[in-house]
Amino acid sequence: MTAAVLFLFAASPWFGRWDLAVGENGGWMEVATTGVRIVPRVGGVKAIDAYSLNRDHLSFSNTEWVGKWEQVKYDLFLRDGRVEGTATRESGTAVPVAGIPAPPLRREIRKWGAPIDLTTDLATWKVMSPTKPGNWTLDGGVLANAKSGPNLRTVADFQDFRLDLEFNCPAGSNSGIFLRGRYELQIEEEADNHDPLGKTGSIYQFLAAASPLPSRPGQWRKLSVTLAGRSVTVTLDGVRIIDGLEIPGPTSGGFNSREEQPGPIILQGDHGPVLFRKIILTPGLP
């Protein structure tokens, strides 16, 4: 390439991170000199090997779960600093795509508010399904999901916070905690899961534990997470496994990608049974 072409490529208005809405679902995309990464509705962040990029148009395909695995073709355009376009499945269904530049979210917690106990009243929570009642119960301070069913979210939204809790994930099950409803803190206790980005305490497919701990299915474990902006610190059973790292963007399965907004705590219930207790949220104040 000539120096002029290299300069134009390096100065592309596409470069950066984008918070996407793909139909009714959230999403995320990063465009850099090294290529394109995307977080679709289901699954972890994926690097796109083949794409077409110019100043106004970006196109690529990705294999995604939409009730079955299909190729999804993205045709995206830059208009007034925003992304507009479509994601078209190989079956022909097209959904609109809209995106805005991801905000920087560089914040510090300077003091703490009053702790909030989220395991005293089930009315603190609501099921995330318009048609299914869910399987969640609260008995003796234990919030339990008896079997696979809808996720559960707090009625209230939160910005920056520390979240302390205990969880018990049986063998063969899987769960997660969505921070602000957008960043999944994974709970996965299978000993034969060797994916460090999918183990308990990881930010799903983005941040792995620095010191992975052994799985303990069917046992109570202690978890503490602090979220300030996009900076996250995770402590599991007293061991700090993620220390102030930046979460690049929303993970799949979140309720939207509007990172600048407060959001709920979401407990994943659609992967099997799980127990929680002593869920204490302490708001962080600037």
C-alpha atoms as a PDB file:
ATOM      1  CA  MET A   1       0.000   0.000   0.000  1.00  0.00           C
ATOM      2  CA  THR A   2       1.078   3.574  -0.533  1.00  0.00           C
ATOM      3  CA  ALA A   3       1.527   5.928   2.403  1.00  0.00           C
ATOM      4  CA  ALA A   4      -1.649   7.810   1.374  1.00  0.00           C
ATOM      5  CA  VAL A   5      -3.747   4.623   1.327  1.00  0.00           C
ATOM      6  CA  LEU A   6      -2.345   3.544   4.681  1.00  0.00           C
ATOM      7  CA  PHE A   7      -3.198   6.953   6.159  1.00  0.00           C
ATOM      8  CA  LEU A   8      -6.792   6.773   4.899  1.00  0.00           C
ATOM      9  CA  PHE A   9      -7.184   3.252   6.288  1.00  0.00           C
ATOM     10  CA  ALA A  10      -5.730   4.226   9.672  1.00  0.00           C
ATOM     11  CA  ALA A  11      -8.009   7.265   9.866  1.00  0.00           C
ATOM     12  CA  SER A  12     -11.188   5.287   9.107  1.00  0.00           C
ATOM     13  CA  PRO A  13     -14.247   6.689  10.916  1.00  0.00           C
ATOM     14  CA  TRP A  14     -15.257   3.094  11.605  1.00  0.00           C
ATOM     15  CA  PHE A  15     -12.390   2.507  13.993  1.00  0.00           C
ATOM     16  CA  GLY A  16     -13.501   2.104  17.576  1.00  0.00           C
ATOM     17  CA  ARG A  17     -16.150   0.281  19.570  1.00  0.00           C
ATOM     18  CA  TRP A  18     -19.860   0.390  18.756  1.00  0.00           C
ATOM     19  CA  ASP A  19     -22.871  -0.413  20.922  1.00  0.00           C
ATOM     20  CA  LEU A  20     -25.389  -2.050  18.611  1.00  0.00           C
ATOM     21  CA  ALA A  21     -29.096  -2.798  18.597  1.00  0.00           C
ATOM     22  CA  VAL A  22     -29.842  -5.743  16.302  1.00  0.00           C
ATOM     23  CA  GLY A  23     -33.602  -5.864  16.080  1.00  0.00           C
ATOM     24  CA  GLU A  24     -34.765  -6.090  19.701  1.00  0.00           C
ATOM     25  CA  ASN A  25     -31.438  -7.510  20.897  1.00  0.00           C
ATOM     26  CA  GLY A  26     -28.250  -5.853  22.034  1.00  0.00           C
ATOM     27  CA  GLY A  27     -24.894  -6.318  20.351  1.00  0.00           C
ATOM     28  CA  TRP A  28     -21.381  -4.925  20.153  1.00  0.00           C
ATOM     29  CA  MET A  29     -18.743  -4.407  17.497  1.00  0.00           C
ATOM     30  CA  GLU A  30     -15.133  -3.316  17.375  1.00  0.00           C
ATOM     31  CA  VAL A  31     -13.368  -2.185  14.201  1.00  0.00           C
ATOM     32  CA  ALA A  32      -9.583  -1.780  14.283  1.00  0.00           C
ATOM     33  CA  THR A  33      -6.546  -2.054  12.061  1.00  0.00           C
ATOM     34  CA  THR A  34      -6.358  -5.694  13.151  1.00  0.00           C
ATOM     35  CA  GLY A  35      -9.885  -6.453  11.926  1.00  0.00           C
ATOM     36  CA  VAL A  36     -13.496  -6.684  13.072  1.00  0.00           C
ATOM     37  CA  ARG A  37     -14.918  -8.309  16.206  1.00  0.00           C
ATOM     38  CA  ILE A  38     -18.600  -8.738  16.962  1.00  0.00           C
ATOM     39  CA  VAL A  39     -20.776  -9.952  19.827  1.00  0.00           C
ATOM     40  CA  PRO A  40     -23.994 -11.390  18.362  1.00  0.00           C
ATOM     41  CA  ARG A  41     -27.220 -12.250  20.184  1.00  0.00           C
ATOM     42  CA  VAL A  42     -25.897 -15.670  21.271  1.00  0.00           C
ATOM     43  CA  GLY A  43     -22.304 -16.737  21.885  1.00  0.00           C
ATOM     44  CA  GLY A  44     -19.080 -14.967  22.697  1.00  0.00           C
ATOM     45  CA  VAL A  45     -17.117 -12.292  20.879  1.00  0.00           C
ATOM     46  CA  LYS A  46     -15.996 -13.492  17.453  1.00  0.00           C
ATOM     47  CA  ALA A  47     -13.255 -12.247  15.147  1.00  0.00           C
ATOM     48  CA  ILE A  48     -14.437 -11.765  11.564  1.00  0.00           C
ATOM     49  CA  ASP A  49     -11.923 -13.140   9.087  1.00  0.00           C
ATOM     50  CA  ALA A  50     -13.397 -11.716   5.871  1.00  0.00           C
ATOM     51  CA  TYR A  51     -15.010  -8.299   5.559  1.00  0.00           C
ATOM     52  CA  SER A  52     -15.327  -5.355   3.193  1.00  0.00           C
ATOM     53  CA  LEU A  53     -14.637  -1.859   4.558  1.00  0.00           C
ATOM     54  CA  ASN A  54     -14.634   1.612   3.089  1.00  0.00           C
ATOM     55  CA  ARG A  55     -15.394   5.000   4.622  1.00  0.00           C
ATOM     56  CA  ASP A  56     -19.171   4.600   4.452  1.00  0.00           C
ATOM     57  CA  HIS A  57     -19.856   0.863   4.229  1.00  0.00           C
ATOM     58  CA  LEU A  58     -18.902  -2.243   6.211  1.00  0.00           C
ATOM     59  CA  SER A  59     -20.100  -5.713   5.296  1.00  0.00           C
ATOM     60  CA  PHE A  60     -19.352  -9.201   6.603  1.00  0.00           C
ATOM     61  CA  SER A  61     -21.037 -12.515   7.439  1.00  0.00           C
ATOM     62  CA  ASN A  62     -21.148 -14.424  10.702  1.00  0.00           C
ATOM     63  CA  THR A  63     -22.580 -17.789  11.727  1.00  0.00           C
ATOM     64  CA  GLU A  64     -25.139 -17.184  14.484  1.00  0.00           C
ATOM     65  CA  TRP A  65     -27.782 -19.043  16.478  1.00  0.00           C
ATOM     66  CA  VAL A  66     -31.255 -17.763  15.522  1.00  0.00           C
ATOM     67  CA  GLY A  67     -33.211 -20.825  16.621  1.00  0.00           C
ATOM     68  CA  LYS A  68     -30.812 -22.756  14.414  1.00  0.00           C
ATOM     69  CA  TRP A  69     -27.338 -21.983  13.083  1.00  0.00           C
ATOM     70  CA  GLU A  70     -27.478 -19.674  10.075  1.00  0.00           C
ATOM     71  CA  GLN A  71     -25.177 -17.360   8.164  1.00  0.00           C
ATOM     72  CA  VAL A  72     -26.083 -13.744   8.910  1.00  0.00           C
ATOM     73  CA  LYS A  73     -24.958 -11.036   6.470  1.00  0.00           C
ATOM     74  CA  TYR A  74     -24.355  -7.585   7.937  1.00  0.00           C
ATOM     75  CA  ASP A  75     -24.590  -4.552   5.648  1.00  0.00           C
ATOM     76  CA  LEU A  76     -23.740  -1.500   7.725  1.00  0.00           C
ATOM     77  CA  PHE A  77     -23.460   2.175   6.793  1.00  0.00           C
ATOM     78  CA  LEU A  78     -22.104   5.228   8.583  1.00  0.00           C
ATOM     79  CA  ARG A  79     -24.544   8.127   8.671  1.00  0.00           C
ATOM     80  CA  ASP A  80     -23.800  11.210  10.786  1.00  0.00           C
ATOM     81  CA  GLY A  81     -21.505   9.259  13.086  1.00  0.00           C
ATOM     82  CA  ARG A  82     -24.006   6.449  13.679  1.00  0.00           C
ATOM     83  CA  VAL A  83     -24.336   2.950  12.303  1.00  0.00           C
ATOM     84  CA  GLU A  84     -27.414   1.965  10.302  1.00  0.00           C
ATOM     85  CA  GLY A  85     -28.057  -1.156   8.284  1.00  0.00           C
ATOM     86  CA  THR A  86     -29.440  -4.673   8.311  1.00  0.00           C
ATOM     87  CA  ALA A  87     -28.545  -8.168   9.458  1.00  0.00           C
ATOM     88  CA  THR A  88     -30.001 -10.660   6.980  1.00  0.00           C
ATOM     89  CA  ARG A  89     -30.232 -14.367   7.733  1.00  0.00           C
ATOM     90  CA  GLU A  90     -29.685 -16.908   4.969  1.00  0.00           C
ATOM     91  CA  SER A  91     -33.389 -17.785   5.316  1.00  0.00           C
ATOM     92  CA  GLY A  92     -34.129 -14.235   4.110  1.00  0.00           C
ATOM     93  CA  THR A  93     -35.256 -12.619   7.374  1.00  0.00           C
ATOM     94  CA  ALA A  94     -33.719  -9.152   7.768  1.00  0.00           C
ATOM     95  CA  VAL A  95     -33.613  -7.164  10.995  1.00  0.00           C
ATOM     96  CA  PRO A  96     -32.509  -3.532  11.410  1.00  0.00           C
ATOM     97  CA  VAL A  97     -29.148  -2.706  12.949  1.00  0.00           C
ATOM     98  CA  ALA A  98     -28.428   0.604  14.663  1.00  0.00           C
ATOM     99  CA  GLY A  99     -25.316   1.602  16.549  1.00  0.00           C
ATOM    100  CA  ILE A 100     -23.667   4.440  18.414  1.00  0.00           C
ATOM    101  CA  PRO A 101     -20.036   4.921  19.479  1.00  0.00           C
ATOM    102  CA  ALA A 102     -19.411   3.167  22.794  1.00  0.00           C
ATOM    103  CA  PRO A 103     -18.963   5.722  25.601  1.00  0.00           C
ATOM    104  CA  PRO A 104     -15.628   5.813  27.469  1.00  0.00           C
ATOM    105  CA  LEU A 105     -17.152   5.160  30.947  1.00  0.00           C
ATOM    106  CA  ARG A 106     -14.047   6.117  32.905  1.00  0.00           C
ATOM    107  CA  ARG A 107     -15.309   6.540  36.456  1.00  0.00           C
ATOM    108  CA  GLU A 108     -14.103   6.050  40.019  1.00  0.00           C
ATOM    109  CA  ILE A 109     -16.040   5.146  43.141  1.00  0.00           C
ATOM    110  CA  ARG A 110     -15.070   7.632  45.848  1.00  0.00           C
ATOM    111  CA  LYS A 111     -17.530   6.587  48.570  1.00  0.00           C
ATOM    112  CA  TRP A 112     -20.216   4.004  49.224  1.00  0.00           C
ATOM    113  CA  GLY A 113     -23.932   4.303  49.723  1.00  0.00           C
ATOM    114  CA  ALA A 114     -26.126   2.220  52.002  1.00  0.00           C
ATOM    115  CA  PRO A 115     -26.026  -1.544  51.297  1.00  0.00           C
ATOM    116  CA  ILE A 116     -29.165  -3.082  49.775  1.00  0.00           C
ATOM    117  CA  ASP A 117     -30.139  -6.649  50.676  1.00  0.00           C
ATOM    118  CA  LEU A 118     -31.646  -8.263  47.568  1.00  0.00           C
ATOM    119  CA  THR A 119     -32.684 -11.491  49.306  1.00  0.00           C
ATOM    120  CA  THR A 120     -35.306 -10.239  51.756  1.00  0.00           C
ATOM    121  CA  ASP A 121     -38.282  -9.851  49.396  1.00  0.00           C
ATOM    122  CA  LEU A 122     -39.017 -11.502  46.058  1.00  0.00           C
ATOM    123  CA  ALA A 123     -40.786  -8.266  45.052  1.00  0.00           C
ATOM    124  CA  THR A 124     -37.254  -6.828  44.617  1.00  0.00           C
ATOM    125  CA  TRP A 125     -37.100  -8.960  41.449  1.00  0.00           C
ATOM    126  CA  LYS A 126     -39.197  -9.614  38.371  1.00  0.00           C
ATOM    127  CA  VAL A 127     -39.190 -12.392  35.784  1.00  0.00           C
ATOM    128  CA  MET A 128     -37.934 -11.396  32.339  1.00  0.00           C
ATOM    129  CA  SER A 129     -40.691 -13.048  30.330  1.00  0.00           C
ATOM    130  CA  PRO A 130     -44.079 -11.655  29.260  1.00  0.00           C
ATOM    131  CA  THR A 131     -45.628 -15.145  29.086  1.00  0.00           C
ATOM    132  CA  LYS A 132     -43.769 -17.475  31.487  1.00  0.00           C
ATOM    133  CA  PRO A 133     -44.031 -17.190  35.294  1.00  0.00           C
ATOM    134  CA  GLY A 134     -40.554 -18.523  35.947  1.00  0.00           C
ATOM    135  CA  ASN A 135     -39.285 -20.997  38.531  1.00  0.00           C
ATOM    136  CA  TRP A 136     -37.716 -18.613  41.029  1.00  0.00           C
ATOM    137  CA  THR A 137     -38.534 -18.797  44.730  1.00  0.00           C
ATOM    138  CA  LEU A 138     -37.215 -17.037  47.824  1.00  0.00           C
ATOM    139  CA  ASP A 139     -37.297 -19.103  51.000  1.00  0.00           C
ATOM    140  CA  GLY A 140     -35.218 -18.566  54.116  1.00  0.00           C
ATOM    141  CA  GLY A 141     -33.028 -16.042  52.337  1.00  0.00           C
ATOM    142  CA  VAL A 142     -32.195 -18.468  49.503  1.00  0.00           C
ATOM    143  CA  LEU A 143     -33.158 -17.376  45.989  1.00  0.00           C
ATOM    144  CA  ALA A 144     -33.578 -20.559  43.970  1.00  0.00           C
ATOM    145  CA  ASN A 145     -34.258 -21.473  40.358  1.00  0.00           C
ATOM    146  CA  ALA A 146     -35.631 -25.026  40.397  1.00  0.00           C
ATOM    147  CA  LYS A 147     -35.143 -25.725  36.700  1.00  0.00           C
ATOM    148  CA  SER A 148     -34.391 -24.028  33.413  1.00  0.00           C
ATOM    149  CA  GLY A 149     -36.658 -21.044  32.803  1.00  0.00           C
ATOM    150  CA  PRO A 150     -36.738 -17.254  32.363  1.00  0.00           C
ATOM    151  CA  ASN A 151     -34.034 -14.984  33.728  1.00  0.00           C
ATOM    152  CA  LEU A 152     -34.686 -12.830  36.782  1.00  0.00           C
ATOM    153  CA  ARG A 153     -33.830  -9.132  37.081  1.00  0.00           C
ATOM    154  CA  THR A 154     -33.910  -6.558  39.814  1.00  0.00           C
ATOM    155  CA  VAL A 155     -36.769  -4.085  39.576  1.00  0.00           C
ATOM    156  CA  ALA A 156     -34.296  -1.278  40.257  1.00  0.00           C
ATOM    157  CA  ASP A 157     -31.438  -0.209  37.998  1.00  0.00           C
ATOM    158  CA  PHE A 158     -27.929   0.539  39.236  1.00  0.00           C
ATOM    159  CA  GLN A 159     -24.858   2.380  37.984  1.00  0.00           C
ATOM    160  CA  ASP A 160     -21.580   1.626  39.810  1.00  0.00           C
ATOM    161  CA  PHE A 161     -21.603  -0.805  42.724  1.00  0.00           C
ATOM    162  CA  ARG A 162     -20.088  -3.624  44.721  1.00  0.00           C
ATOM    163  CA  LEU A 163     -22.051  -6.872  44.660  1.00  0.00           C
ATOM    164  CA  ASP A 164     -21.408  -9.528  47.313  1.00  0.00           C
ATOM    165  CA  LEU A 165     -23.190 -12.880  47.248  1.00  0.00           C
ATOM    166  CA  GLU A 166     -22.984 -16.620  47.669  1.00  0.00           C
ATOM    167  CA  PHE A 167     -24.029 -19.088  44.975  1.00  0.00           C
ATOM    168  CA  ASN A 168     -24.428 -22.837  44.589  1.00  0.00           C
ATOM    169  CA  CYS A 169     -24.396 -24.248  41.050  1.00  0.00           C
ATOM    170  CA  PRO A 170     -25.115 -27.998  40.732  1.00  0.00           C
ATOM    171  CA  ALA A 171     -23.128 -30.221  38.396  1.00  0.00           C
ATOM    172  CA  GLY A 172     -24.514 -30.096  34.881  1.00  0.00           C
ATOM    173  CA  SER A 173     -26.013 -26.628  35.331  1.00  0.00           C
ATOM    174  CA  ASN A 174     -24.849 -23.194  34.259  1.00  0.00           C
ATOM    175  CA  SER A 175     -25.743 -19.650  35.207  1.00  0.00           C
ATOM    176  CA  GLY A 176     -24.458 -16.105  35.154  1.00  0.00           C
ATOM    177  CA  ILE A 177     -24.900 -12.653  36.654  1.00  0.00           C
ATOM    178  CA  PHE A 178     -25.379  -9.775  34.224  1.00  0.00           C
ATOM    179  CA  LEU A 179     -23.887  -6.587  35.662  1.00  0.00           C
ATOM    180  CA  ARG A 180     -26.025  -3.594  34.677  1.00  0.00           C
ATOM    181  CA  GLY A 181     -27.829  -6.198  32.602  1.00  0.00           C
ATOM    182  CA  ARG A 182     -25.018  -6.100  30.014  1.00  0.00           C
ATOM    183  CA  TYR A 183     -21.827  -7.804  31.206  1.00  0.00           C
ATOM    184  CA  GLU A 184     -22.150 -11.493  32.090  1.00  0.00           C
ATOM    185  CA  LEU A 185     -20.142 -12.709  35.057  1.00  0.00           C
ATOM    186  CA  GLN A 186     -20.044 -16.414  34.314  1.00  0.00           C
ATOM    187  CA  ILE A 187     -21.020 -19.213  36.728  1.00  0.00           C
ATOM    188  CA  GLU A 188     -19.948 -22.594  35.361  1.00  0.00           C
ATOM    189  CA  GLU A 189     -18.751 -25.331  37.693  1.00  0.00           C
ATOM    190  CA  GLU A 190     -17.933 -28.250  35.404  1.00  0.00           C
ATOM    191  CA  ALA A 191     -14.419 -29.590  36.015  1.00  0.00           C
ATOM    192  CA  ASP A 192     -14.029 -30.601  32.349  1.00  0.00           C
ATOM    193  CA  ASN A 193     -14.677 -27.065  31.098  1.00  0.00           C
ATOM    194  CA  HIS A 194     -11.197 -25.912  30.132  1.00  0.00           C
ATOM    195  CA  ASP A 195     -12.230 -22.628  28.534  1.00  0.00           C
ATOM    196  CA  PRO A 196     -10.794 -19.932  30.854  1.00  0.00           C
ATOM    197  CA  LEU A 197     -13.193 -17.379  29.338  1.00  0.00           C
ATOM    198  CA  GLY A 198     -16.181 -19.534  30.283  1.00  0.00           C
ATOM    199  CA  LYS A 199     -15.312 -20.507  33.858  1.00  0.00           C
ATOM    200  CA  THR A 200     -16.794 -19.132  37.050  1.00  0.00           C
ATOM    201  CA  GLY A 201     -15.693 -15.555  37.696  1.00  0.00           C
ATOM    202  CA  SER A 202     -14.820 -14.736  34.083  1.00  0.00           C
ATOM    203  CA  ILE A 203     -16.527 -11.972  32.134  1.00  0.00           C
ATOM    204  CA  TYR A 204     -17.948 -14.253  29.487  1.00  0.00           C
ATOM    205  CA  GLN A 205     -15.563 -14.575  26.530  1.00  0.00           C
ATOM    206  CA  PHE A 206     -13.868 -11.241  27.347  1.00  0.00           C
ATOM    207  CA  LEU A 207     -11.880 -11.494  30.602  1.00  0.00           C
ATOM    208  CA  ALA A 208     -10.473 -14.655  32.172  1.00  0.00           C
ATOM    209  CA  ALA A 209      -9.412 -15.195  35.756  1.00  0.00           C
ATOM    210  CA  ALA A 210      -5.729 -14.485  36.400  1.00  0.00           C
ATOM    211  CA  SER A 211      -5.676 -17.374  38.896  1.00  0.00           C
ATOM    212  CA  PRO A 212      -8.308 -19.974  37.927  1.00  0.00           C
ATOM    213  CA  LEU A 213      -9.771 -21.823  40.925  1.00  0.00           C
ATOM    214  CA  PRO A 214     -10.978 -25.447  40.964  1.00  0.00           C
ATOM    215  CA  SER A 215     -14.633 -26.128  40.231  1.00  0.00           C
ATOM    216  CA  ARG A 216     -16.898 -26.858  43.207  1.00  0.00           C
ATOM    217  CA  PRO A 217     -20.265 -28.026  41.849  1.00  0.00           C
ATOM    218  CA  GLY A 218     -23.021 -28.319  44.423  1.00  0.00           C
ATOM    219  CA  GLN A 219     -21.127 -26.284  47.032  1.00  0.00           C
ATOM    220  CA  TRP A 220     -21.677 -22.761  48.309  1.00  0.00           C
ATOM    221  CA  ARG A 221     -19.069 -20.287  47.045  1.00  0.00           C
ATOM    222  CA  LYS A 222     -18.483 -16.595  47.808  1.00  0.00           C
ATOM    223  CA  LEU A 223     -18.313 -14.033  45.046  1.00  0.00           C
ATOM    224  CA  SER A 224     -17.620 -10.302  45.175  1.00  0.00           C
ATOM    225  CA  VAL A 225     -17.550  -7.974  42.164  1.00  0.00           C
ATOM    226  CA  THR A 226     -16.966  -4.243  41.909  1.00  0.00           C
ATOM    227  CA  LEU A 227     -17.995  -2.401  38.751  1.00  0.00           C
ATOM    228  CA  ALA A 228     -17.019   1.232  38.130  1.00  0.00           C
ATOM    229  CA  GLY A 229     -17.653   2.371  34.598  1.00  0.00           C
ATOM    230  CA  ARG A 230     -16.242  -0.580  32.642  1.00  0.00           C
ATOM    231  CA  SER A 231     -13.568  -1.404  35.218  1.00  0.00           C
ATOM    232  CA  VAL A 232     -14.270  -4.686  37.019  1.00  0.00           C
ATOM    233  CA  THR A 233     -12.696  -6.453  39.968  1.00  0.00           C
ATOM    234  CA  VAL A 234     -13.784  -9.997  40.856  1.00  0.00           C
ATOM    235  CA  THR A 235     -12.983 -11.959  44.017  1.00  0.00           C
ATOM    236  CA  LEU A 236     -13.941 -15.647  44.262  1.00  0.00           C
ATOM    237  CA  ASP A 237     -13.694 -17.444  47.629  1.00  0.00           C
ATOM    238  CA  GLY A 238     -11.374 -14.716  48.895  1.00  0.00           C
ATOM    239  CA  VAL A 239      -9.022 -14.820  45.887  1.00  0.00           C
ATOM    240  CA  ARG A 240      -8.878 -11.797  43.585  1.00  0.00           C
ATOM    241  CA  ILE A 241      -9.076 -13.308  40.098  1.00  0.00           C
ATOM    242  CA  ILE A 242      -9.746 -10.143  38.038  1.00  0.00           C
ATOM    243  CA  ASP A 243      -8.154  -6.908  39.211  1.00  0.00           C
ATOM    244  CA  GLY A 244      -9.485  -3.636  37.792  1.00  0.00           C
ATOM    245  CA  LEU A 245      -9.589  -4.716  34.150  1.00  0.00           C
ATOM    246  CA  GLU A 246     -11.653  -2.997  31.474  1.00  0.00           C
ATOM    247  CA  ILE A 247     -14.586  -4.921  30.019  1.00  0.00           C
ATOM    248  CA  PRO A 248     -14.412  -4.182  26.273  1.00  0.00           C
ATOM    249  CA  GLY A 249     -18.181  -4.137  25.793  1.00  0.00           C
ATOM    250  CA  PRO A 250     -21.511  -5.889  26.384  1.00  0.00           C
ATOM    251  CA  THR A 251     -21.539  -9.681  26.307  1.00  0.00           C
ATOM    252  CA  SER A 252     -24.197 -11.684  24.491  1.00  0.00           C
ATOM    253  CA  GLY A 253     -27.540 -12.300  26.168  1.00  0.00           C
ATOM    254  CA  GLY A 254     -27.832  -8.880  27.824  1.00  0.00           C
ATOM    255  CA  PHE A 255     -31.039  -6.899  27.734  1.00  0.00           C
ATOM    256  CA  ASN A 256     -29.593  -3.997  25.703  1.00  0.00           C
ATOM    257  CA  SER A 257     -26.268  -2.365  24.834  1.00  0.00           C
ATOM    258  CA  ARG A 258     -26.856   1.174  26.100  1.00  0.00           C
ATOM    259  CA  GLU A 259     -23.726   1.198  28.227  1.00  0.00           C
ATOM    260  CA  GLU A 260     -24.129   4.831  29.299  1.00  0.00           C
ATOM    261  CA  GLN A 261     -27.331   3.959  31.174  1.00  0.00           C
ATOM    262  CA  PRO A 262     -27.823   2.315  34.582  1.00  0.00           C
ATOM    263  CA  GLY A 263     -29.100  -1.237  34.436  1.00  0.00           C
ATOM    264  CA  PRO A 264     -30.372  -4.117  36.569  1.00  0.00           C
ATOM    265  CA  ILE A 265     -28.715  -7.132  38.077  1.00  0.00           C
ATOM    266  CA  ILE A 266     -29.884 -10.129  36.021  1.00  0.00           C
ATOM    267  CA  LEU A 267     -29.635 -13.717  37.226  1.00  0.00           C
ATOM    268  CA  GLN A 268     -29.483 -16.230  34.399  1.00  0.00           C
ATOM    269  CA  GLY A 269     -32.083 -18.960  34.789  1.00  0.00           C
ATOM    270  CA  ASP A 270     -32.400 -20.420  31.301  1.00  0.00           C
ATOM    271  CA  HIS A 271     -29.442 -22.846  31.628  1.00  0.00           C
ATOM    272  CA  GLY A 272     -30.577 -24.859  34.637  1.00  0.00           C
ATOM    273  CA  PRO A 273     -31.023 -24.755  38.423  1.00  0.00           C
ATOM    274  CA  VAL A 274     -28.944 -22.476  40.643  1.00  0.00           C
ATOM    275  CA  LEU A 275     -29.105 -21.094  44.206  1.00  0.00           C
ATOM    276  CA  PHE A 276     -28.157 -17.641  45.514  1.00  0.00           C
ATOM    277  CA  ARG A 277     -28.095 -16.190  49.022  1.00  0.00           C
ATOM    278  CA  LYS A 278     -26.785 -13.123  50.910  1.00  0.00           C
ATOM    279  CA  ILE A 279     -26.985 -10.909  47.814  1.00  0.00           C
ATOM    280  CA  ILE A 280     -25.896  -7.475  49.007  1.00  0.00           C
ATOM    281  CA  LEU A 281     -25.487  -4.560  46.566  1.00  0.00           C
ATOM    282  CA  THR A 282     -23.651  -1.478  47.784  1.00  0.00           C
ATOM    283  CA  PRO A 283     -24.014   1.517  45.434  1.00  0.00           C
ATOM    284  CA  GLY A 284     -20.871   3.357  44.504  1.00  0.00           C
ATOM    285  CA  LEU A 285     -20.905   7.152  44.565  1.00  0.00           C
ATOM    286  CA  PRO A 286     -18.657   9.510  42.555  1.00  0.00           C
END
